[in-house]
Amino acid sequence: MNPISAQPEDLLTTEQVMDRLLADETLRRLAVTCVLPAVRCGNEWRYRKSDLDAWIRQNVGATA
C-alpha cells in the first residue's frame, strides 16, 4: 500500500501505537525490541493499523 493513498484513519501516531502495545503484558515485553514498519508523514512517523495488527497477531501467536 502506498502511504500517500492510506486513509488518515488507517494511520496511527506513535502515541496510539504505544498505548496499544502497553495495554497488554505480552506486548509490553515485546515492545522493547519492537521494530514496526512505518511511513514518514512530514516530520512525523505514522504506522499502518493493518501492519500493527499483523505484528501483534504474529508475535502473540509466537508466544502462546
PDB file of N, CA and C in Angstrom:
ATOM      1  N   MET A   1       0.857  -1.172   0.000  1.00  0.00           N
ATOM      2  CA  MET A   1       0.000   0.000   0.000  1.00  0.00           C
ATOM      3  C   MET A   1       0.902   1.234   0.000  1.00  0.00           C
ATOM      4  N   ASN A   2       0.605   2.154  -0.823  1.00  0.00           N
ATOM      5  CA  ASN A   2       1.324   3.412  -0.911  1.00  0.00           C
ATOM      6  C   ASN A   2       0.899   4.283   0.266  1.00  0.00           C
ATOM      7  N   PRO A   3       1.869   4.829   1.049  1.00  0.00           N
ATOM      8  CA  PRO A   3       1.471   5.652   2.205  1.00  0.00           C
ATOM      9  C   PRO A   3       0.658   6.863   1.827  1.00  0.00           C
ATOM     10  N   ILE A   4       0.862   7.374   0.620  1.00  0.00           N
ATOM     11  CA  ILE A   4       0.101   8.538   0.171  1.00  0.00           C
ATOM     12  C   ILE A   4      -1.374   8.176   0.012  1.00  0.00           C
ATOM     13  N   SER A   5      -1.662   6.930  -0.389  1.00  0.00           N
ATOM     14  CA  SER A   5      -3.037   6.522  -0.620  1.00  0.00           C
ATOM     15  C   SER A   5      -3.729   6.033   0.649  1.00  0.00           C
ATOM     16  N   ALA A   6      -3.004   5.897   1.748  1.00  0.00           N
ATOM     17  CA  ALA A   6      -3.606   5.434   3.001  1.00  0.00           C
ATOM     18  C   ALA A   6      -4.572   6.490   3.527  1.00  0.00           C
ATOM     19  N   GLN A   7      -5.678   6.039   4.055  1.00  0.00           N
ATOM     20  CA  GLN A   7      -6.648   6.934   4.663  1.00  0.00           C
ATOM     21  C   GLN A   7      -6.122   7.368   6.031  1.00  0.00           C
ATOM     22  N   PRO A   8      -6.368   8.601   6.430  1.00  0.00           N
ATOM     23  CA  PRO A   8      -5.873   9.066   7.726  1.00  0.00           C
ATOM     24  C   PRO A   8      -6.270   8.163   8.888  1.00  0.00           C
ATOM     25  N   GLU A   9      -7.468   7.603   8.840  1.00  0.00           N
ATOM     26  CA  GLU A   9      -7.902   6.726   9.937  1.00  0.00           C
ATOM     27  C   GLU A   9      -7.163   5.395   9.942  1.00  0.00           C
ATOM     28  N   ASP A  10      -6.446   5.061   8.865  1.00  0.00           N
ATOM     29  CA  ASP A  10      -5.657   3.839   8.800  1.00  0.00           C
ATOM     30  C   ASP A  10      -4.259   4.030   9.376  1.00  0.00           C
ATOM     31  N   LEU A  11      -3.875   5.277   9.642  1.00  0.00           N
ATOM     32  CA  LEU A  11      -2.544   5.573  10.152  1.00  0.00           C
ATOM     33  C   LEU A  11      -2.613   5.946  11.624  1.00  0.00           C
ATOM     34  N   LEU A  12      -1.708   5.376  12.418  1.00  0.00           N
ATOM     35  CA  LEU A  12      -1.671   5.620  13.852  1.00  0.00           C
ATOM     36  C   LEU A  12      -0.445   6.442  14.203  1.00  0.00           C
ATOM     37  N   THR A  13      -0.566   7.266  15.229  1.00  0.00           N
ATOM     38  CA  THR A  13       0.579   8.021  15.723  1.00  0.00           C
ATOM     39  C   THR A  13       1.420   7.107  16.615  1.00  0.00           C
ATOM     40  N   THR A  14       2.619   7.558  16.940  1.00  0.00           N
ATOM     41  CA  THR A  14       3.477   6.793  17.845  1.00  0.00           C
ATOM     42  C   THR A  14       2.790   6.587  19.189  1.00  0.00           C
ATOM     43  N   GLU A  15       2.121   7.612  19.677  1.00  0.00           N
ATOM     44  CA  GLU A  15       1.430   7.511  20.961  1.00  0.00           C
ATOM     45  C   GLU A  15       0.310   6.460  20.914  1.00  0.00           C
ATOM     46  N   GLN A  16      -0.435   6.411  19.815  1.00  0.00           N
ATOM     47  CA  GLN A  16      -1.503   5.423  19.679  1.00  0.00           C
ATOM     48  C   GLN A  16      -0.928   4.005  19.651  1.00  0.00           C
ATOM     49  N   VAL A  17       0.198   3.839  18.972  1.00  0.00           N
ATOM     50  CA  VAL A  17       0.837   2.518  18.917  1.00  0.00           C
ATOM     51  C   VAL A  17       1.288   2.107  20.316  1.00  0.00           C
ATOM     52  N   MET A  18       1.939   3.007  21.032  1.00  0.00           N
ATOM     53  CA  MET A  18       2.423   2.683  22.374  1.00  0.00           C
ATOM     54  C   MET A  18       1.262   2.386  23.322  1.00  0.00           C
ATOM     55  N   ASP A  19       0.187   3.144  23.242  1.00  0.00           N
ATOM     56  CA  ASP A  19      -0.987   2.863  24.081  1.00  0.00           C
ATOM     57  C   ASP A  19      -1.474   1.444  23.849  1.00  0.00           C
ATOM     58  N   ARG A  20      -1.507   1.040  22.596  1.00  0.00           N
ATOM     59  CA  ARG A  20      -1.999  -0.292  22.264  1.00  0.00           C
ATOM     60  C   ARG A  20      -1.049  -1.379  22.743  1.00  0.00           C
ATOM     61  N   LEU A  21       0.259  -1.167  22.547  1.00  0.00           N
ATOM     62  CA  LEU A  21       1.240  -2.172  22.959  1.00  0.00           C
ATOM     63  C   LEU A  21       1.342  -2.275  24.479  1.00  0.00           C
ATOM     64  N   LEU A  22       1.257  -1.151  25.165  1.00  0.00           N
ATOM     65  CA  LEU A  22       1.422  -1.165  26.615  1.00  0.00           C
ATOM     66  C   LEU A  22       0.197  -1.700  27.347  1.00  0.00           C
ATOM     67  N   ALA A  23      -0.922  -1.840  26.659  1.00  0.00           N
ATOM     68  CA  ALA A  23      -2.150  -2.321  27.285  1.00  0.00           C
ATOM     69  C   ALA A  23      -2.110  -3.818  27.594  1.00  0.00           C
ATOM     70  N   ASP A  24      -1.177  -4.552  27.001  1.00  0.00           N
ATOM     71  CA  ASP A  24      -1.099  -6.000  27.164  1.00  0.00           C
ATOM     72  C   ASP A  24       0.291  -6.372  27.670  1.00  0.00           C
ATOM     73  N   GLU A  25       0.368  -7.217  28.699  1.00  0.00           N
ATOM     74  CA  GLU A  25       1.658  -7.568  29.305  1.00  0.00           C
ATOM     75  C   GLU A  25       2.627  -8.198  28.301  1.00  0.00           C
ATOM     76  N   THR A  26       2.138  -9.125  27.488  1.00  0.00           N
ATOM     77  CA  THR A  26       2.997  -9.766  26.492  1.00  0.00           C
ATOM     78  C   THR A  26       3.502  -8.748  25.481  1.00  0.00           C
ATOM     79  N   LEU A  27       2.612  -7.917  24.984  1.00  0.00           N
ATOM     80  CA  LEU A  27       3.012  -6.906  24.007  1.00  0.00           C
ATOM     81  C   LEU A  27       3.943  -5.875  24.636  1.00  0.00           C
ATOM     82  N   ARG A  28       3.736  -5.584  25.910  1.00  0.00           N
ATOM     83  CA  ARG A  28       4.596  -4.634  26.618  1.00  0.00           C
ATOM     84  C   ARG A  28       6.035  -5.148  26.643  1.00  0.00           C
ATOM     85  N   ARG A  29       6.214  -6.447  26.906  1.00  0.00           N
ATOM     86  CA  ARG A  29       7.557  -7.043  26.901  1.00  0.00           C
ATOM     87  C   ARG A  29       8.163  -7.000  25.509  1.00  0.00           C
ATOM     88  N   LEU A  30       7.366  -7.290  24.496  1.00  0.00           N
ATOM     89  CA  LEU A  30       7.857  -7.296  23.119  1.00  0.00           C
ATOM     90  C   LEU A  30       8.144  -5.899  22.591  1.00  0.00           C
ATOM     91  N   ALA A  31       7.465  -4.890  23.124  1.00  0.00           N
ATOM     92  CA  ALA A  31       7.606  -3.522  22.628  1.00  0.00           C
ATOM     93  C   ALA A  31       9.029  -2.997  22.778  1.00  0.00           C
ATOM     94  N   VAL A  32       9.764  -3.526  23.733  1.00  0.00           N
ATOM     95  CA  VAL A  32      11.143  -3.082  23.953  1.00  0.00           C
ATOM     96  C   VAL A  32      11.992  -3.331  22.704  1.00  0.00           C
ATOM     97  N   THR A  33      11.738  -4.428  22.015  1.00  0.00           N
ATOM     98  CA  THR A  33      12.525  -4.773  20.827  1.00  0.00           C
ATOM     99  C   THR A  33      11.734  -4.563  19.542  1.00  0.00           C
ATOM    100  N   CYS A  34      10.617  -3.914  19.651  1.00  0.00           N
ATOM    101  CA  CYS A  34       9.702  -3.748  18.521  1.00  0.00           C
ATOM    102  C   CYS A  34      10.312  -2.886  17.411  1.00  0.00           C
ATOM    103  N   VAL A  35      10.265  -3.417  16.215  1.00  0.00           N
ATOM    104  CA  VAL A  35      10.617  -2.652  15.023  1.00  0.00           C
ATOM    105  C   VAL A  35       9.439  -2.814  14.068  1.00  0.00           C
ATOM    106  N   LEU A  36       8.653  -1.756  13.957  1.00  0.00           N
ATOM    107  CA  LEU A  36       7.463  -1.793  13.121  1.00  0.00           C
ATOM    108  C   LEU A  36       7.693  -1.033  11.827  1.00  0.00           C
ATOM    109  N   PRO A  37       7.094  -1.520  10.734  1.00  0.00           N
ATOM    110  CA  PRO A  37       7.157  -0.735   9.502  1.00  0.00           C
ATOM    111  C   PRO A  37       6.389   0.566   9.684  1.00  0.00           C
ATOM    112  N   ALA A  38       6.984   1.647   9.239  1.00  0.00           N
ATOM    113  CA  ALA A  38       6.363   2.957   9.402  1.00  0.00           C
ATOM    114  C   ALA A  38       6.525   3.771   8.126  1.00  0.00           C
ATOM    115  N   VAL A  39       5.713   4.792   8.017  1.00  0.00           N
ATOM    116  CA  VAL A  39       5.813   5.716   6.881  1.00  0.00           C
ATOM    117  C   VAL A  39       6.042   7.113   7.436  1.00  0.00           C
ATOM    118  N   ARG A  40       6.816   7.873   6.724  1.00  0.00           N
ATOM    119  CA  ARG A  40       7.122   9.243   7.131  1.00  0.00           C
ATOM    120  C   ARG A  40       6.038  10.171   6.593  1.00  0.00           C
ATOM    121  N   CYS A  41       5.450  10.968   7.469  1.00  0.00           N
ATOM    122  CA  CYS A  41       4.447  11.964   7.090  1.00  0.00           C
ATOM    123  C   CYS A  41       4.967  13.318   7.567  1.00  0.00           C
ATOM    124  N   GLY A  42       5.601  14.039   6.673  1.00  0.00           N
ATOM    125  CA  GLY A  42       6.228  15.299   7.073  1.00  0.00           C
ATOM    126  C   GLY A  42       7.393  15.005   7.992  1.00  0.00           C
ATOM    127  N   ASN A  43       7.365  15.560   9.202  1.00  0.00           N
ATOM    128  CA  ASN A  43       8.444  15.294  10.147  1.00  0.00           C
ATOM    129  C   ASN A  43       8.030  14.292  11.222  1.00  0.00           C
ATOM    130  N   GLU A  44       6.947  13.570  10.998  1.00  0.00           N
ATOM    131  CA  GLU A  44       6.455  12.581  11.959  1.00  0.00           C
ATOM    132  C   GLU A  44       6.367  11.204  11.310  1.00  0.00           C
ATOM    133  N   TRP A  45       6.351  10.191  12.138  1.00  0.00           N
ATOM    134  CA  TRP A  45       6.177   8.818  11.677  1.00  0.00           C
ATOM    135  C   TRP A  45       4.741   8.391  11.926  1.00  0.00           C
ATOM    136  N   ARG A  46       4.203   7.592  11.022  1.00  0.00           N
ATOM    137  CA  ARG A  46       2.867   7.005  11.179  1.00  0.00           C
ATOM    138  C   ARG A  46       2.979   5.508  10.906  1.00  0.00           C
ATOM    139  N   TYR A  47       2.091   4.762  11.539  1.00  0.00           N
ATOM    140  CA  TYR A  47       2.098   3.310  11.456  1.00  0.00           C
ATOM    141  C   TYR A  47       0.747   2.857  10.929  1.00  0.00           C
ATOM    142  N   ARG A  48       0.770   1.994   9.942  1.00  0.00           N
ATOM    143  CA  ARG A  48      -0.496   1.470   9.419  1.00  0.00           C
ATOM    144  C   ARG A  48      -1.113   0.536  10.448  1.00  0.00           C
ATOM    145  N   LYS A  49      -2.396   0.724  10.706  1.00  0.00           N
ATOM    146  CA  LYS A  49      -3.114  -0.125  11.654  1.00  0.00           C
ATOM    147  C   LYS A  49      -3.017  -1.581  11.231  1.00  0.00           C
ATOM    148  N   SER A  50      -3.122  -1.855   9.941  1.00  0.00           N
ATOM    149  CA  SER A  50      -3.056  -3.240   9.466  1.00  0.00           C
ATOM    150  C   SER A  50      -1.683  -3.862   9.736  1.00  0.00           C
ATOM    151  N   ASP A  51      -0.597  -3.070   9.614  1.00  0.00           N
ATOM    152  CA  ASP A  51       0.744  -3.579   9.920  1.00  0.00           C
ATOM    153  C   ASP A  51       0.877  -3.885  11.408  1.00  0.00           C
ATOM    154  N   LEU A  52       0.350  -2.998  12.253  1.00  0.00           N
ATOM    155  CA  LEU A  52       0.398  -3.221  13.694  1.00  0.00           C
ATOM    156  C   LEU A  52      -0.416  -4.452  14.072  1.00  0.00           C
ATOM    157  N   ASP A  53      -1.616  -4.581  13.516  1.00  0.00           N
ATOM    158  CA  ASP A  53      -2.451  -5.754  13.795  1.00  0.00           C
ATOM    159  C   ASP A  53      -1.742  -7.043  13.387  1.00  0.00           C
ATOM    160  N   ALA A  54      -1.097  -7.044  12.221  1.00  0.00           N
ATOM    161  CA  ALA A  54      -0.377  -8.234  11.751  1.00  0.00           C
ATOM    162  C   ALA A  54       0.795  -8.545  12.678  1.00  0.00           C
ATOM    163  N   TRP A  55       1.517  -7.520  13.126  1.00  0.00           N
ATOM    164  CA  TRP A  55       2.653  -7.720  14.025  1.00  0.00           C
ATOM    165  C   TRP A  55       2.174  -8.303  15.353  1.00  0.00           C
ATOM    166  N   ILE A  56       1.062  -7.792  15.866  1.00  0.00           N
ATOM    167  CA  ILE A  56       0.512  -8.307  17.123  1.00  0.00           C
ATOM    168  C   ILE A  56       0.103  -9.769  16.957  1.00  0.00           C
ATOM    169  N   ARG A  57      -0.622 -10.084  15.890  1.00  0.00           N
ATOM    170  CA  ARG A  57      -1.038 -11.475  15.661  1.00  0.00           C
ATOM    171  C   ARG A  57       0.166 -12.394  15.574  1.00  0.00           C
ATOM    172  N   GLN A  58       1.182 -11.989  14.843  1.00  0.00           N
ATOM    173  CA  GLN A  58       2.373 -12.819  14.664  1.00  0.00           C
ATOM    174  C   GLN A  58       3.114 -13.017  15.971  1.00  0.00           C
ATOM    175  N   ASN A  59       3.277 -11.976  16.758  1.00  0.00           N
ATOM    176  CA  ASN A  59       4.053 -12.075  17.983  1.00  0.00           C
ATOM    177  C   ASN A  59       3.299 -12.688  19.137  1.00  0.00           C
ATOM    178  N   VAL A  60       2.016 -12.413  19.248  1.00  0.00           N
ATOM    179  CA  VAL A  60       1.243 -13.038  20.306  1.00  0.00           C
ATOM    180  C   VAL A  60       1.100 -14.522  20.013  1.00  0.00           C
ATOM    181  N   GLY A  61       0.906 -14.882  18.767  1.00  0.00           N
ATOM    182  CA  GLY A  61       0.838 -16.285  18.377  1.00  0.00           C
ATOM    183  C   GLY A  61       2.133 -17.023  18.648  1.00  0.00           C
ATOM    184  N   ALA A  62       3.272 -16.341  18.498  1.00  0.00           N
ATOM    185  CA  ALA A  62       4.588 -16.954  18.716  1.00  0.00           C
ATOM    186  C   ALA A  62       4.876 -17.173  20.184  1.00  0.00           C
ATOM    187  N   THR A  63       4.228 -16.380  21.065  1.00  0.00           N
ATOM    188  CA  THR A  63       4.493 -16.512  22.483  1.00  0.00           C
ATOM    189  C   THR A  63       3.475 -17.379  23.191  1.00  0.00           C
ATOM    190  N   ALA A  64       2.435 -17.778  22.487  1.00  0.00           N
ATOM    191  CA  ALA A  64       1.379 -18.572  23.121  1.00  0.00           C
ATOM    192  C   ALA A  64       1.792 -20.023  23.270  1.00  0.00           C
TER     193      ALA A  64
END
